Amino acid sequence: MKNIIKYGMWIMLSIFMFAACSPQEDEKYSLGELGTITADVISFSQTPSDTSNNVIIFTNTSNLTFPVTAVWDLGNGSTARGNTATGIYPMKGDYTVTLTLYAADGSSASKSEVIHIENDDFGLINTPVYVKLTGGIHDSDGKTWVFDQYNNFAKEVEEATGFYVKGHMGLAKLNTYSQEWWHAQPNEKKDWKLYDFKFTFIQDGLQLRIQNAGKGYGRSALQSDITSKGFDIIQVADPDIIFSYDGGDYTFSIDESGQYPKLTLSGNAFMGYYCGTQEYEIIYQTDSVMALRVAEPAENLDWIFVYCLEELNVPAIDAE
């Protein structure tokens, strides 16, 4: 557990196989034949992959005659759903893996096991995505990112991705990956403390350090979610909200198994504007520019944010 607290969230790959589940499921409960889950019937196996002893494949081996939904806590800050899940553990140590099964009658039960990782395997996170974000394992200071405040790089992102991107933040309909409904003009959010945020990503220990001026910024529609994170509301000015937030030290992971790498932050961390999630898709990335997409189902919105290295965030003569 000490290792988890110290290093936090590691990259994981999730492979979803629902052979035992009904085709219709909500977020937790399988729908179909009723049956009650008890902890004594839950079991799962763990098998090292062919590529590394630090990559473990977990399989639900519970002997059940009714459909269930399987949810995994991989002990490294990552979760997965399905009868199989793959966890990657770059750092040696002990990790507690928990399988929770949910049944159609509303019952659920869990089983936990501790796995031991004998050696470090930093090669698991030595990928171009990690290196571009952090500077690599040998860069002890990491890389510091800020919002592209003056919209110097929005055009670059738009041309590379083909998505409608005109500003350092903007929104459109969910799953459009665009800013077609609105985008911020250069320096437009200076009064909202957005540009006080600095995000330093360090590969050694997968550290994330967030600095700001003690105030967070986000969607007023998510007020209840914001307060549940422990933030105190300072001002509500629909559609935005200001709340107390002092930044801090966090960890992060990157899942590279999807179409776009998924960046996940630990705890209550967020990338400057709170949209109800700690998960971000990296839709564009170079050594100095990064664009993140955030899905906000609560309002049926997509958000696109553009960041650059701190030293590149300077006023541009031809800014919009």
C-alpha atoms as a PDB file:
ATOM      1  CA  MET A   1       0.000   0.000   0.000  1.00  0.00           C
ATOM      2  CA  LYS A   2       2.950   2.307   0.724  1.00  0.00           C
ATOM      3  CA  ASN A   3       4.074   1.880  -2.832  1.00  0.00           C
ATOM      4  CA  ILE A   4       0.641   2.871  -4.090  1.00  0.00           C
ATOM      5  CA  ILE A   5       0.607   6.062  -2.035  1.00  0.00           C
ATOM      6  CA  LYS A   6       4.091   6.942  -3.131  1.00  0.00           C
ATOM      7  CA  TYR A   7       3.785   6.280  -6.791  1.00  0.00           C
ATOM      8  CA  GLY A   8       0.037   6.401  -7.401  1.00  0.00           C
ATOM      9  CA  MET A   9      -1.497   5.628 -10.712  1.00  0.00           C
ATOM     10  CA  TRP A  10       0.315   3.484 -13.243  1.00  0.00           C
ATOM     11  CA  ILE A  11      -0.559   2.874 -16.856  1.00  0.00           C
ATOM     12  CA  MET A  12      -2.900  -0.025 -17.488  1.00  0.00           C
ATOM     13  CA  LEU A  13      -4.478  -1.696 -20.484  1.00  0.00           C
ATOM     14  CA  SER A  14      -8.049  -2.912 -20.188  1.00  0.00           C
ATOM     15  CA  ILE A  15      -9.362  -5.751 -22.326  1.00  0.00           C
ATOM     16  CA  PHE A  16     -13.097  -6.158 -22.100  1.00  0.00           C
ATOM     17  CA  MET A  17     -14.701  -9.587 -22.576  1.00  0.00           C
ATOM     18  CA  PHE A  18     -18.328  -9.884 -21.508  1.00  0.00           C
ATOM     19  CA  ALA A  19     -18.987 -13.541 -22.267  1.00  0.00           C
ATOM     20  CA  ALA A  20     -20.808 -14.025 -18.980  1.00  0.00           C
ATOM     21  CA  CYS A  21     -22.845 -10.825 -19.135  1.00  0.00           C
ATOM     22  CA  SER A  22     -26.203  -9.880 -20.501  1.00  0.00           C
ATOM     23  CA  PRO A  23     -26.051  -7.612 -23.575  1.00  0.00           C
ATOM     24  CA  GLN A  24     -27.858  -4.922 -21.590  1.00  0.00           C
ATOM     25  CA  GLU A  25     -25.949  -3.321 -18.731  1.00  0.00           C
ATOM     26  CA  ASP A  26     -25.866  -0.020 -16.926  1.00  0.00           C
ATOM     27  CA  GLU A  27     -22.750   1.341 -15.247  1.00  0.00           C
ATOM     28  CA  LYS A  28     -22.721  -1.286 -12.484  1.00  0.00           C
ATOM     29  CA  TYR A  29     -25.487  -3.827 -12.625  1.00  0.00           C
ATOM     30  CA  SER A  30     -26.023  -6.596 -15.142  1.00  0.00           C
ATOM     31  CA  LEU A  31     -29.629  -6.992 -16.253  1.00  0.00           C
ATOM     32  CA  GLY A  32     -31.170 -10.423 -16.673  1.00  0.00           C
ATOM     33  CA  GLU A  33     -31.665 -13.534 -14.548  1.00  0.00           C
ATOM     34  CA  LEU A  34     -31.641 -12.775 -10.839  1.00  0.00           C
ATOM     35  CA  GLY A  35     -28.969 -14.159  -8.555  1.00  0.00           C
ATOM     36  CA  THR A  36     -27.322 -12.954  -5.371  1.00  0.00           C
ATOM     37  CA  ILE A  37     -23.574 -12.356  -5.186  1.00  0.00           C
ATOM     38  CA  THR A  38     -21.638 -13.391  -2.085  1.00  0.00           C
ATOM     39  CA  ALA A  39     -17.924 -12.937  -1.483  1.00  0.00           C
ATOM     40  CA  ASP A  40     -17.239 -16.652  -1.049  1.00  0.00           C
ATOM     41  CA  VAL A  41     -18.051 -17.415  -4.707  1.00  0.00           C
ATOM     42  CA  ILE A  42     -15.697 -14.800  -6.149  1.00  0.00           C
ATOM     43  CA  SER A  43     -12.352 -15.877  -7.514  1.00  0.00           C
ATOM     44  CA  PHE A  44      -9.859 -14.624 -10.081  1.00  0.00           C
ATOM     45  CA  SER A  45      -6.567 -15.741 -11.545  1.00  0.00           C
ATOM     46  CA  GLN A  46      -3.437 -13.726 -12.244  1.00  0.00           C
ATOM     47  CA  THR A  47      -0.956 -14.554 -14.993  1.00  0.00           C
ATOM     48  CA  PRO A  48       2.181 -12.638 -16.029  1.00  0.00           C
ATOM     49  CA  SER A  49       2.134 -11.691 -19.698  1.00  0.00           C
ATOM     50  CA  ASP A  50       4.605 -12.960 -22.249  1.00  0.00           C
ATOM     51  CA  THR A  51       6.153  -9.482 -22.519  1.00  0.00           C
ATOM     52  CA  SER A  52       6.962  -8.671 -18.884  1.00  0.00           C
ATOM     53  CA  ASN A  53       6.500 -10.001 -15.371  1.00  0.00           C
ATOM     54  CA  ASN A  54       5.255  -6.504 -14.498  1.00  0.00           C
ATOM     55  CA  VAL A  55       2.285  -6.896 -16.854  1.00  0.00           C
ATOM     56  CA  ILE A  56      -0.377  -9.040 -15.168  1.00  0.00           C
ATOM     57  CA  ILE A  57      -3.498 -10.465 -16.805  1.00  0.00           C
ATOM     58  CA  PHE A  58      -6.404 -10.929 -14.397  1.00  0.00           C
ATOM     59  CA  THR A  59      -9.320 -13.228 -15.216  1.00  0.00           C
ATOM     60  CA  ASN A  60     -12.633 -13.617 -13.405  1.00  0.00           C
ATOM     61  CA  THR A  61     -12.917 -17.334 -12.582  1.00  0.00           C
ATOM     62  CA  SER A  62     -16.018 -17.135 -10.360  1.00  0.00           C
ATOM     63  CA  ASN A  63     -18.358 -20.101 -10.862  1.00  0.00           C
ATOM     64  CA  LEU A  64     -21.748 -18.468 -11.429  1.00  0.00           C
ATOM     65  CA  THR A  65     -24.917 -19.452 -13.274  1.00  0.00           C
ATOM     66  CA  PHE A  66     -26.315 -15.937 -13.709  1.00  0.00           C
ATOM     67  CA  PRO A  67     -24.978 -12.823 -15.470  1.00  0.00           C
ATOM     68  CA  VAL A  68     -22.814 -10.318 -13.607  1.00  0.00           C
ATOM     69  CA  THR A  69     -20.774  -7.219 -14.266  1.00  0.00           C
ATOM     70  CA  ALA A  70     -17.131  -7.400 -13.213  1.00  0.00           C
ATOM     71  CA  VAL A  71     -15.343  -4.244 -12.040  1.00  0.00           C
ATOM     72  CA  TRP A  72     -11.636  -4.248 -11.201  1.00  0.00           C
ATOM     73  CA  ASP A  73      -9.536  -2.018  -8.981  1.00  0.00           C
ATOM     74  CA  LEU A  74      -6.032  -2.880 -10.138  1.00  0.00           C
ATOM     75  CA  GLY A  75      -4.333  -1.489  -7.052  1.00  0.00           C
ATOM     76  CA  ASN A  76      -2.318   1.003  -9.078  1.00  0.00           C
ATOM     77  CA  GLY A  77      -4.948   3.729  -9.246  1.00  0.00           C
ATOM     78  CA  SER A  78      -6.541   2.294 -12.381  1.00  0.00           C
ATOM     79  CA  THR A  79      -9.847   0.486 -12.864  1.00  0.00           C
ATOM     80  CA  ALA A  80     -11.389  -1.707 -15.565  1.00  0.00           C
ATOM     81  CA  ARG A  81     -14.648  -3.443 -16.392  1.00  0.00           C
ATOM     82  CA  GLY A  82     -15.078  -6.906 -17.906  1.00  0.00           C
ATOM     83  CA  ASN A  83     -14.144 -10.497 -17.205  1.00  0.00           C
ATOM     84  CA  THR A  84     -10.490  -9.828 -17.956  1.00  0.00           C
ATOM     85  CA  ALA A  85      -8.240  -6.881 -17.225  1.00  0.00           C
ATOM     86  CA  THR A  86      -4.551  -6.198 -17.724  1.00  0.00           C
ATOM     87  CA  GLY A  87      -2.566  -4.162 -15.216  1.00  0.00           C
ATOM     88  CA  ILE A  88       0.882  -2.709 -15.795  1.00  0.00           C
ATOM     89  CA  TYR A  89       3.124  -2.100 -12.774  1.00  0.00           C
ATOM     90  CA  PRO A  90       6.367  -0.308 -13.695  1.00  0.00           C
ATOM     91  CA  MET A  91       7.501  -0.040 -10.055  1.00  0.00           C
ATOM     92  CA  LYS A  92       8.305  -2.955  -7.747  1.00  0.00           C
ATOM     93  CA  GLY A  93       6.202  -3.415  -4.626  1.00  0.00           C
ATOM     94  CA  ASP A  94       2.915  -4.816  -3.367  1.00  0.00           C
ATOM     95  CA  TYR A  95      -0.440  -3.918  -4.936  1.00  0.00           C
ATOM     96  CA  THR A  96      -3.916  -4.860  -3.733  1.00  0.00           C
ATOM     97  CA  VAL A  97      -6.166  -5.949  -6.609  1.00  0.00           C
ATOM     98  CA  THR A  98      -9.923  -6.092  -5.999  1.00  0.00           C
ATOM     99  CA  LEU A  99     -12.607  -7.721  -8.139  1.00  0.00           C
ATOM    100  CA  THR A 100     -16.186  -6.605  -7.472  1.00  0.00           C
ATOM    101  CA  LEU A 101     -19.143  -8.393  -9.066  1.00  0.00           C
ATOM    102  CA  TYR A 102     -22.575  -6.775  -9.496  1.00  0.00           C
ATOM    103  CA  ALA A 103     -25.743  -8.828 -10.064  1.00  0.00           C
ATOM    104  CA  ALA A 104     -29.161  -7.957 -11.498  1.00  0.00           C
ATOM    105  CA  ASP A 105     -30.839  -8.165  -8.085  1.00  0.00           C
ATOM    106  CA  GLY A 106     -28.718  -5.250  -6.869  1.00  0.00           C
ATOM    107  CA  SER A 107     -26.328  -7.326  -4.801  1.00  0.00           C
ATOM    108  CA  SER A 108     -22.569  -7.021  -5.023  1.00  0.00           C
ATOM    109  CA  ALA A 109     -19.497  -8.475  -3.341  1.00  0.00           C
ATOM    110  CA  SER A 110     -15.734  -8.123  -3.608  1.00  0.00           C
ATOM    111  CA  LYS A 111     -12.573 -10.128  -3.254  1.00  0.00           C
ATOM    112  CA  SER A 112      -9.059  -8.692  -2.871  1.00  0.00           C
ATOM    113  CA  GLU A 113      -5.614 -10.191  -3.317  1.00  0.00           C
ATOM    114  CA  VAL A 114      -2.158  -8.673  -2.914  1.00  0.00           C
ATOM    115  CA  ILE A 115       0.236  -9.135  -5.812  1.00  0.00           C
ATOM    116  CA  HIS A 116       3.975  -8.682  -5.452  1.00  0.00           C
ATOM    117  CA  ILE A 117       6.071  -7.093  -8.195  1.00  0.00           C
ATOM    118  CA  GLU A 118       9.688  -8.100  -7.718  1.00  0.00           C
ATOM    119  CA  ASN A 119      11.552  -5.586  -9.914  1.00  0.00           C
ATOM    120  CA  ASP A 120      11.133  -2.206 -11.563  1.00  0.00           C
ATOM    121  CA  ASP A 121      10.497  -2.157 -15.307  1.00  0.00           C
ATOM    122  CA  PHE A 122      10.738   1.470 -16.415  1.00  0.00           C
ATOM    123  CA  GLY A 123      10.662   0.393 -20.036  1.00  0.00           C
ATOM    124  CA  LEU A 124       6.898   0.029 -19.682  1.00  0.00           C
ATOM    125  CA  ILE A 125       6.516   3.796 -19.481  1.00  0.00           C
ATOM    126  CA  ASN A 126       9.381   4.771 -21.778  1.00  0.00           C
ATOM    127  CA  THR A 127       7.056   5.497 -24.698  1.00  0.00           C
ATOM    128  CA  PRO A 128       6.932   8.592 -26.944  1.00  0.00           C
ATOM    129  CA  VAL A 129       3.707   9.735 -25.264  1.00  0.00           C
ATOM    130  CA  TYR A 130       5.281   9.704 -21.812  1.00  0.00           C
ATOM    131  CA  VAL A 131       8.543  11.240 -23.008  1.00  0.00           C
ATOM    132  CA  LYS A 132       6.833  14.114 -24.828  1.00  0.00           C
ATOM    133  CA  LEU A 133       4.740  14.866 -21.756  1.00  0.00           C
ATOM    134  CA  THR A 134       7.520  14.647 -19.160  1.00  0.00           C
ATOM    135  CA  GLY A 135      10.877  14.956 -20.905  1.00  0.00           C
ATOM    136  CA  GLY A 136      11.718  11.338 -20.075  1.00  0.00           C
ATOM    137  CA  ILE A 137      13.059   9.370 -17.119  1.00  0.00           C
ATOM    138  CA  HIS A 138      16.323  11.337 -17.010  1.00  0.00           C
ATOM    139  CA  ASP A 139      14.640  14.753 -16.825  1.00  0.00           C
ATOM    140  CA  SER A 140      14.306  15.149 -13.058  1.00  0.00           C
ATOM    141  CA  ASP A 141      12.574  18.527 -13.361  1.00  0.00           C
ATOM    142  CA  GLY A 142       9.977  17.314 -15.852  1.00  0.00           C
ATOM    143  CA  LYS A 143       8.134  19.637 -18.225  1.00  0.00           C
ATOM    144  CA  THR A 144       5.791  22.460 -17.229  1.00  0.00           C
ATOM    145  CA  TRP A 145       2.687  23.052 -19.312  1.00  0.00           C
ATOM    146  CA  VAL A 146       0.259  25.991 -19.310  1.00  0.00           C
ATOM    147  CA  PHE A 147      -2.779  26.994 -21.325  1.00  0.00           C
ATOM    148  CA  ASP A 148      -2.001  28.356 -24.798  1.00  0.00           C
ATOM    149  CA  GLN A 149      -3.262  31.681 -23.459  1.00  0.00           C
ATOM    150  CA  TYR A 150      -2.689  33.676 -26.658  1.00  0.00           C
ATOM    151  CA  ASN A 151      -3.931  30.995 -29.080  1.00  0.00           C
ATOM    152  CA  ASN A 152      -0.523  30.661 -30.707  1.00  0.00           C
ATOM    153  CA  PHE A 153      -0.967  26.943 -31.386  1.00  0.00           C
ATOM    154  CA  ALA A 154      -4.687  26.394 -31.965  1.00  0.00           C
ATOM    155  CA  LYS A 155      -4.222  26.528 -35.740  1.00  0.00           C
ATOM    156  CA  GLU A 156      -1.462  23.926 -35.514  1.00  0.00           C
ATOM    157  CA  VAL A 157      -3.788  21.594 -33.607  1.00  0.00           C
ATOM    158  CA  GLU A 158      -6.629  22.150 -36.066  1.00  0.00           C
ATOM    159  CA  GLU A 159      -4.481  21.453 -39.128  1.00  0.00           C
ATOM    160  CA  ALA A 160      -2.951  18.325 -37.603  1.00  0.00           C
ATOM    161  CA  THR A 161      -6.176  16.796 -36.296  1.00  0.00           C
ATOM    162  CA  GLY A 162      -8.774  18.034 -38.786  1.00  0.00           C
ATOM    163  CA  PHE A 163     -10.995  19.089 -35.869  1.00  0.00           C
ATOM    164  CA  TYR A 164     -12.442  22.582 -35.518  1.00  0.00           C
ATOM    165  CA  VAL A 165     -10.069  24.142 -32.968  1.00  0.00           C
ATOM    166  CA  LYS A 166      -9.736  27.924 -32.731  1.00  0.00           C
ATOM    167  CA  GLY A 167      -8.767  28.660 -29.130  1.00  0.00           C
ATOM    168  CA  HIS A 168      -7.021  27.407 -26.001  1.00  0.00           C
ATOM    169  CA  MET A 169     -10.377  26.225 -24.688  1.00  0.00           C
ATOM    170  CA  GLY A 170     -13.719  25.638 -26.344  1.00  0.00           C
ATOM    171  CA  LEU A 171     -16.731  23.386 -26.548  1.00  0.00           C
ATOM    172  CA  ALA A 172     -19.207  21.682 -28.843  1.00  0.00           C
ATOM    173  CA  LYS A 173     -21.624  18.764 -28.873  1.00  0.00           C
ATOM    174  CA  LEU A 174     -20.462  15.558 -27.191  1.00  0.00           C
ATOM    175  CA  ASN A 175     -18.286  13.317 -29.403  1.00  0.00           C
ATOM    176  CA  THR A 176     -17.572  16.004 -32.014  1.00  0.00           C
ATOM    177  CA  TYR A 177     -14.006  16.603 -30.796  1.00  0.00           C
ATOM    178  CA  SER A 178     -14.366  20.269 -31.704  1.00  0.00           C
ATOM    179  CA  GLN A 179     -14.967  23.821 -30.512  1.00  0.00           C
ATOM    180  CA  GLU A 180     -17.731  24.609 -33.001  1.00  0.00           C
ATOM    181  CA  TRP A 181     -20.058  26.174 -30.404  1.00  0.00           C
ATOM    182  CA  TRP A 182     -17.567  28.462 -28.661  1.00  0.00           C
ATOM    183  CA  HIS A 183     -13.864  29.081 -28.227  1.00  0.00           C
ATOM    184  CA  ALA A 184     -11.881  31.477 -26.045  1.00  0.00           C
ATOM    185  CA  GLN A 185     -10.193  34.485 -27.586  1.00  0.00           C
ATOM    186  CA  PRO A 186      -6.562  35.261 -26.630  1.00  0.00           C
ATOM    187  CA  ASN A 187      -6.252  36.136 -22.938  1.00  0.00           C
ATOM    188  CA  GLU A 188     -10.067  36.073 -22.608  1.00  0.00           C
ATOM    189  CA  LYS A 189     -10.053  34.215 -19.287  1.00  0.00           C
ATOM    190  CA  LYS A 190      -7.495  36.358 -17.460  1.00  0.00           C
ATOM    191  CA  ASP A 191     -10.036  37.432 -14.817  1.00  0.00           C
ATOM    192  CA  TRP A 192     -10.948  33.821 -14.000  1.00  0.00           C
ATOM    193  CA  LYS A 193      -7.480  32.780 -12.780  1.00  0.00           C
ATOM    194  CA  LEU A 194      -7.233  30.152 -15.518  1.00  0.00           C
ATOM    195  CA  TYR A 195      -3.781  31.310 -16.571  1.00  0.00           C
ATOM    196  CA  ASP A 196      -2.344  30.917 -13.081  1.00  0.00           C
ATOM    197  CA  PHE A 197      -2.352  27.150 -13.544  1.00  0.00           C
ATOM    198  CA  LYS A 198       0.948  25.375 -14.197  1.00  0.00           C
ATOM    199  CA  PHE A 199       1.162  21.602 -14.718  1.00  0.00           C
ATOM    200  CA  THR A 200       4.544  19.918 -14.238  1.00  0.00           C
ATOM    201  CA  PHE A 201       4.719  16.273 -15.329  1.00  0.00           C
ATOM    202  CA  ILE A 202       7.715  14.220 -14.122  1.00  0.00           C
ATOM    203  CA  GLN A 203       8.250  10.698 -15.408  1.00  0.00           C
ATOM    204  CA  ASP A 204      10.197   9.409 -12.387  1.00  0.00           C
ATOM    205  CA  GLY A 205       7.406   8.301 -10.055  1.00  0.00           C
ATOM    206  CA  LEU A 206       4.781   9.577 -12.508  1.00  0.00           C
ATOM    207  CA  GLN A 207       4.499  12.821 -10.578  1.00  0.00           C
ATOM    208  CA  LEU A 208       2.181  15.720 -11.394  1.00  0.00           C
ATOM    209  CA  ARG A 209       2.613  19.060  -9.636  1.00  0.00           C
ATOM    210  CA  ILE A 210      -0.155  21.604 -10.060  1.00  0.00           C
ATOM    211  CA  GLN A 211       0.490  25.223  -9.110  1.00  0.00           C
ATOM    212  CA  ASN A 212      -2.113  27.975  -9.144  1.00  0.00           C
ATOM    213  CA  ALA A 213      -3.287  31.008  -7.174  1.00  0.00           C
ATOM    214  CA  GLY A 214      -5.652  29.165  -4.823  1.00  0.00           C
ATOM    215  CA  LYS A 215      -8.726  29.256  -7.048  1.00  0.00           C
ATOM    216  CA  GLY A 216     -10.251  26.637  -9.340  1.00  0.00           C
ATOM    217  CA  TYR A 217     -12.472  27.230 -12.338  1.00  0.00           C
ATOM    218  CA  GLY A 218     -15.152  24.978 -13.833  1.00  0.00           C
ATOM    219  CA  ARG A 219     -18.756  24.353 -14.868  1.00  0.00           C
ATOM    220  CA  SER A 220     -21.529  25.601 -12.589  1.00  0.00           C
ATOM    221  CA  ALA A 221     -23.712  22.671 -13.717  1.00  0.00           C
ATOM    222  CA  LEU A 222     -21.286  20.427 -11.823  1.00  0.00           C
ATOM    223  CA  GLN A 223     -21.574  22.284  -8.514  1.00  0.00           C
ATOM    224  CA  SER A 224     -22.619  19.224  -6.492  1.00  0.00           C
ATOM    225  CA  ASP A 225     -19.766  17.195  -7.955  1.00  0.00           C
ATOM    226  CA  ILE A 226     -17.326  20.016  -7.215  1.00  0.00           C
ATOM    227  CA  THR A 227     -18.354  20.221  -3.558  1.00  0.00           C
ATOM    228  CA  SER A 228     -18.146  16.417  -3.262  1.00  0.00           C
ATOM    229  CA  LYS A 229     -14.465  16.721  -4.207  1.00  0.00           C
ATOM    230  CA  GLY A 230     -13.907  18.865  -1.118  1.00  0.00           C
ATOM    231  CA  PHE A 231     -13.820  22.225  -2.895  1.00  0.00           C
ATOM    232  CA  ASP A 232     -15.548  25.285  -1.355  1.00  0.00           C
ATOM    233  CA  ILE A 233     -17.629  27.394  -3.721  1.00  0.00           C
ATOM    234  CA  ILE A 234     -16.490  31.023  -3.958  1.00  0.00           C
ATOM    235  CA  GLN A 235     -18.593  32.393  -6.813  1.00  0.00           C
ATOM    236  CA  VAL A 236     -21.226  31.090  -9.224  1.00  0.00           C
ATOM    237  CA  ALA A 237     -21.666  32.983 -12.479  1.00  0.00           C
ATOM    238  CA  ASP A 238     -23.500  30.683 -14.863  1.00  0.00           C
ATOM    239  CA  PRO A 239     -22.270  28.800 -16.748  1.00  0.00           C
ATOM    240  CA  ASP A 240     -19.035  29.034 -14.745  1.00  0.00           C
ATOM    241  CA  ILE A 241     -18.050  28.589 -11.123  1.00  0.00           C
ATOM    242  CA  ILE A 242     -15.069  29.586  -8.978  1.00  0.00           C
ATOM    243  CA  PHE A 243     -14.025  27.445  -6.023  1.00  0.00           C
ATOM    244  CA  SER A 244     -11.143  27.094  -3.613  1.00  0.00           C
ATOM    245  CA  TYR A 245      -8.318  24.951  -4.947  1.00  0.00           C
ATOM    246  CA  ASP A 246      -4.639  25.123  -4.004  1.00  0.00           C
ATOM    247  CA  GLY A 247      -3.185  22.686  -6.520  1.00  0.00           C
ATOM    248  CA  GLY A 248      -0.824  20.115  -5.040  1.00  0.00           C
ATOM    249  CA  ASP A 249       1.190  16.978  -5.732  1.00  0.00           C
ATOM    250  CA  TYR A 250      -0.511  14.172  -7.632  1.00  0.00           C
ATOM    251  CA  THR A 251       0.271  11.240  -9.876  1.00  0.00           C
ATOM    252  CA  PHE A 252      -0.874  10.307 -13.357  1.00  0.00           C
ATOM    253  CA  SER A 253      -1.130   7.397 -15.749  1.00  0.00           C
ATOM    254  CA  ILE A 254      -1.502   7.033 -19.503  1.00  0.00           C
ATOM    255  CA  ASP A 255      -3.465   4.267 -21.216  1.00  0.00           C
ATOM    256  CA  GLU A 256      -2.272   3.924 -24.809  1.00  0.00           C
ATOM    257  CA  SER A 257      -4.628   1.117 -25.828  1.00  0.00           C
ATOM    258  CA  GLY A 258      -7.323   3.294 -27.458  1.00  0.00           C
ATOM    259  CA  GLN A 259      -7.485   5.503 -30.526  1.00  0.00           C
ATOM    260  CA  TYR A 260      -6.049   8.336 -28.456  1.00  0.00           C
ATOM    261  CA  PRO A 261      -3.867   7.998 -25.347  1.00  0.00           C
ATOM    262  CA  LYS A 262      -5.932   8.528 -22.184  1.00  0.00           C
ATOM    263  CA  LEU A 263      -4.345  10.644 -19.477  1.00  0.00           C
ATOM    264  CA  THR A 264      -5.752   9.977 -15.984  1.00  0.00           C
ATOM    265  CA  LEU A 265      -4.950  12.182 -12.984  1.00  0.00           C
ATOM    266  CA  SER A 266      -5.107  11.058  -9.370  1.00  0.00           C
ATOM    267  CA  GLY A 267      -7.263  12.422  -6.553  1.00  0.00           C
ATOM    268  CA  ASN A 268      -9.143  15.624  -7.306  1.00  0.00           C
ATOM    269  CA  ALA A 269      -6.622  16.938  -9.849  1.00  0.00           C
ATOM    270  CA  PHE A 270      -7.861  18.580 -13.035  1.00  0.00           C
ATOM    271  CA  MET A 271      -6.269  20.386 -15.963  1.00  0.00           C
ATOM    272  CA  GLY A 272      -7.317  23.944 -15.124  1.00  0.00           C
ATOM    273  CA  TYR A 273     -11.032  23.859 -15.950  1.00  0.00           C
ATOM    274  CA  TYR A 274     -13.141  21.304 -14.090  1.00  0.00           C
ATOM    275  CA  CYS A 275     -15.494  19.265 -16.301  1.00  0.00           C
ATOM    276  CA  GLY A 276     -16.369  16.477 -13.888  1.00  0.00           C
ATOM    277  CA  THR A 277     -13.595  14.019 -14.677  1.00  0.00           C
ATOM    278  CA  GLN A 278      -9.911  13.242 -14.187  1.00  0.00           C
ATOM    279  CA  GLU A 279      -9.666  11.543 -17.602  1.00  0.00           C
ATOM    280  CA  TYR A 280      -8.428  13.315 -20.738  1.00  0.00           C
ATOM    281  CA  GLU A 281      -7.783  12.088 -24.267  1.00  0.00           C
ATOM    282  CA  ILE A 282      -4.548  13.354 -25.800  1.00  0.00           C
ATOM    283  CA  ILE A 283      -5.732  14.188 -29.333  1.00  0.00           C
ATOM    284  CA  TYR A 284      -2.554  16.041 -30.333  1.00  0.00           C
ATOM    285  CA  GLN A 285       0.944  16.006 -28.896  1.00  0.00           C
ATOM    286  CA  THR A 286       4.402  17.272 -29.786  1.00  0.00           C
ATOM    287  CA  ASP A 287       7.381  18.085 -27.602  1.00  0.00           C
ATOM    288  CA  SER A 288       5.921  21.551 -26.950  1.00  0.00           C
ATOM    289  CA  VAL A 289       2.171  21.532 -27.730  1.00  0.00           C
ATOM    290  CA  MET A 290      -0.630  19.346 -26.421  1.00  0.00           C
ATOM    291  CA  ALA A 291      -4.406  19.242 -27.005  1.00  0.00           C
ATOM    292  CA  LEU A 292      -6.761  17.383 -24.671  1.00  0.00           C
ATOM    293  CA  ARG A 293     -10.346  16.353 -25.231  1.00  0.00           C
ATOM    294  CA  VAL A 294     -12.694  15.999 -22.267  1.00  0.00           C
ATOM    295  CA  ALA A 295     -16.137  14.394 -22.445  1.00  0.00           C
ATOM    296  CA  GLU A 296     -18.792  15.957 -20.201  1.00  0.00           C
ATOM    297  CA  PRO A 297     -21.892  13.748 -20.498  1.00  0.00           C
ATOM    298  CA  ALA A 298     -23.740  15.749 -17.821  1.00  0.00           C
ATOM    299  CA  GLU A 299     -24.265  18.557 -20.329  1.00  0.00           C
ATOM    300  CA  ASN A 300     -23.700  16.534 -23.514  1.00  0.00           C
ATOM    301  CA  LEU A 301     -20.524  18.496 -24.211  1.00  0.00           C
ATOM    302  CA  ASP A 302     -17.055  18.005 -25.602  1.00  0.00           C
ATOM    303  CA  TRP A 303     -14.277  20.284 -24.369  1.00  0.00           C
ATOM    304  CA  ILE A 304     -11.017  20.838 -26.235  1.00  0.00           C
ATOM    305  CA  PHE A 305      -8.101  22.415 -24.345  1.00  0.00           C
ATOM    306  CA  VAL A 306      -4.769  23.461 -25.883  1.00  0.00           C
ATOM    307  CA  TYR A 307      -1.574  23.717 -23.816  1.00  0.00           C
ATOM    308  CA  CYS A 308       2.017  24.653 -24.547  1.00  0.00           C
ATOM    309  CA  LEU A 309       5.285  24.698 -22.646  1.00  0.00           C
ATOM    310  CA  GLU A 310       5.435  27.563 -20.167  1.00  0.00           C
ATOM    311  CA  GLU A 311       8.252  29.342 -21.994  1.00  0.00           C
ATOM    312  CA  LEU A 312       6.262  29.421 -25.254  1.00  0.00           C
ATOM    313  CA  ASN A 313       3.226  31.149 -23.775  1.00  0.00           C
ATOM    314  CA  VAL A 314       3.897  34.687 -25.006  1.00  0.00           C
ATOM    315  CA  PRO A 315       1.688  37.243 -26.783  1.00  0.00           C
ATOM    316  CA  ALA A 316       1.613  36.834 -30.543  1.00  0.00           C
ATOM    317  CA  ILE A 317       1.470  39.766 -32.944  1.00  0.00           C
ATOM    318  CA  ASP A 318      -1.049  37.981 -35.153  1.00  0.00           C
ATOM    319  CA  ALA A 319      -3.193  36.634 -32.284  1.00  0.00           C
ATOM    320  CA  GLU A 320      -6.886  36.501 -32.989  1.00  0.00           C
END
